[in-house]
């Protein structure tokens, strides 16, 4: 059987040494390929339009156009846009939460180990579970405003009972396989429910679904 093509990755960071280190780590993996580098958000947006990668590793703090604005522009202007992982120094940075709200699929610490970096890229590409779910939940709990009970009720009304269960389990950080086990259904059924939840929330992946669930009070901290 022919192996699938490698995941195509663009690196966006204003520090050349960081880009060099990321390229060295990722290029050792046969299923990953770094196809381009950008030194700023302003460079990253047209580069992504040109190269159409699967994944972008985006520094959250860059001059000119930062990672948040670059993420927004890529997701707004690139057809079938890539998954974006923002790279940051501090996991509780409000910039990270803003980047997730803007549409990033997850975040990665600059001090992460090489194997964590590789696995993060693969996990986000599969999009069947949250990247670092405990950290995403902590960010959502810290930065989301107090939920509007009317908004929470409106969301519950839009979801079927099973879809609501799936969203709660997604917010708890469970993967599709773990949700299937918890609900005693097949993985394909969970995938269908997840797609329905994303569609009803108007979001592109489970990270934004979890953020939305916290912000409207459908899911509460604790």
Foldseek 3Di string as FASTA:
>chain_A
DDDDAAFEEEEEALDPVLVVVLQVLQVVDRRHDHDYYHNFLVRVQVVCQVPVTQEYEAAQDHPPDGRQRSLLSQVVPHVPHHAYEYEYQDLLDVSQVSSLLSAHQYYYYSPDDSVLVNVQVVCVSVQQWHNPLVSLLVNLQVPADAADVVLLVVLVVLADPVLLVLLQVRNVTDGLVRVCVVVVHDSVVSVVSLVSLCVSVVGDGSSNSNSVCSNNVNDHDD
